[in-house]
Amino acid sequence: MNGLKLKELVTQLIERGLDAGVTKPAPPPQSGPYPIPIAREADGTVTPFLSNAQLRAMLDEEDVAQYQKLKAQEAGQ
């Protein structure tokens, strides 16, 4: 510090920053859909990819089967 007062130091730093100009920020990394992971079994076989609609249909089928099983149990009692 060359014996500058704080005010003079701050002024110099601000002037340096203004002289340097404004730089454009770096563009954000390209965000897109992530690649679908490939699930592999221990033996190396690949698990097939299912869409959200297919997964939802499978879950709905399981729910209906469970509901029908409960209804059958109630009717048998």
Protein backbone atom coordinates (compact mmCIF):
# COMPACT_ATOMS: atom_id res chain seq x y z
CA MET A 1 0.00 0.00 0.00
CA ASN A 2 1.71 3.15 -1.17
CA GLY A 3 0.35 5.24 1.65
CA LEU A 4 -2.98 5.67 -0.12
CA LYS A 5 -6.07 6.56 1.75
CA LEU A 6 -8.84 4.01 1.61
CA LYS A 7 -10.97 6.38 -0.45
CA GLU A 8 -8.20 6.75 -3.07
CA LEU A 9 -7.62 2.98 -3.18
CA VAL A 10 -11.29 2.26 -3.70
CA THR A 11 -11.48 4.94 -6.38
CA GLN A 12 -8.52 3.41 -8.23
CA LEU A 13 -9.99 -0.05 -8.07
CA ILE A 14 -13.35 1.15 -9.36
CA GLU A 15 -11.66 3.06 -12.20
CA ARG A 16 -9.66 -0.05 -13.17
CA GLY A 17 -12.84 -2.07 -13.24
CA LEU A 18 -14.61 0.53 -15.37
CA ASP A 19 -11.64 0.79 -17.74
CA ALA A 20 -11.60 -2.98 -18.18
CA GLY A 21 -15.08 -2.79 -19.68
CA VAL A 22 -18.03 -5.01 -19.23
CA THR A 23 -17.52 -8.58 -20.26
CA LYS A 24 -20.39 -10.74 -21.36
CA PRO A 25 -21.11 -13.61 -19.03
CA ALA A 26 -20.31 -17.04 -20.36
CA PRO A 27 -23.29 -18.75 -21.93
CA PRO A 28 -24.89 -21.32 -19.66
CA PRO A 29 -24.06 -24.91 -20.46
CA GLN A 30 -26.43 -26.40 -22.98
CA SER A 31 -29.17 -28.00 -21.01
CA GLY A 32 -31.16 -30.61 -22.74
CA PRO A 33 -32.72 -33.87 -21.89
CA TYR A 34 -30.35 -36.23 -20.20
CA PRO A 35 -29.64 -39.47 -21.99
CA ILE A 36 -31.73 -42.36 -20.80
CA PRO A 37 -29.67 -44.66 -18.62
CA ILE A 38 -29.39 -48.23 -19.75
CA ALA A 39 -30.20 -50.70 -17.02
CA ARG A 40 -28.23 -53.92 -17.24
CA GLU A 41 -28.85 -57.05 -15.24
CA ALA A 42 -25.98 -58.87 -13.55
CA ASP A 43 -25.82 -61.31 -16.47
CA GLY A 44 -25.46 -58.44 -18.95
CA THR A 45 -28.98 -58.47 -20.38
CA VAL A 46 -30.47 -55.06 -21.02
CA THR A 47 -33.72 -54.06 -19.35
CA PRO A 48 -36.05 -52.55 -21.97
CA PHE A 49 -36.81 -48.84 -21.79
CA LEU A 50 -40.43 -47.99 -20.98
CA SER A 51 -42.09 -44.64 -21.54
CA ASN A 52 -43.93 -42.85 -18.75
CA ALA A 53 -47.26 -43.87 -20.28
CA GLN A 54 -46.21 -47.52 -20.31
CA LEU A 55 -45.04 -47.35 -16.71
CA ARG A 56 -48.29 -45.66 -15.67
CA ALA A 57 -50.30 -48.37 -17.45
CA MET A 58 -48.36 -51.09 -15.64
CA LEU A 59 -48.98 -49.44 -12.28
CA ASP A 60 -52.67 -49.03 -13.08
CA GLU A 61 -52.93 -52.71 -14.00
CA GLU A 62 -51.33 -53.67 -10.68
CA ASP A 63 -53.72 -51.38 -8.80
CA VAL A 64 -56.75 -52.87 -10.56
CA ALA A 65 -55.53 -56.42 -9.88
CA GLN A 66 -55.01 -55.61 -6.21
CA TYR A 67 -58.45 -53.99 -5.99
CA GLN A 68 -60.13 -56.99 -7.64
CA LYS A 69 -58.31 -59.33 -5.25
CA LEU A 70 -59.56 -57.35 -2.24
CA LYS A 71 -63.12 -57.27 -3.62
CA ALA A 72 -63.01 -61.04 -4.14
CA GLN A 73 -61.80 -61.54 -0.57
CA GLU A 74 -64.61 -59.32 0.78
CA ALA A 75 -67.21 -61.19 -1.27
CA GLY A 76 -65.91 -64.53 0.04
CA GLN A 77 -66.26 -63.53 3.68
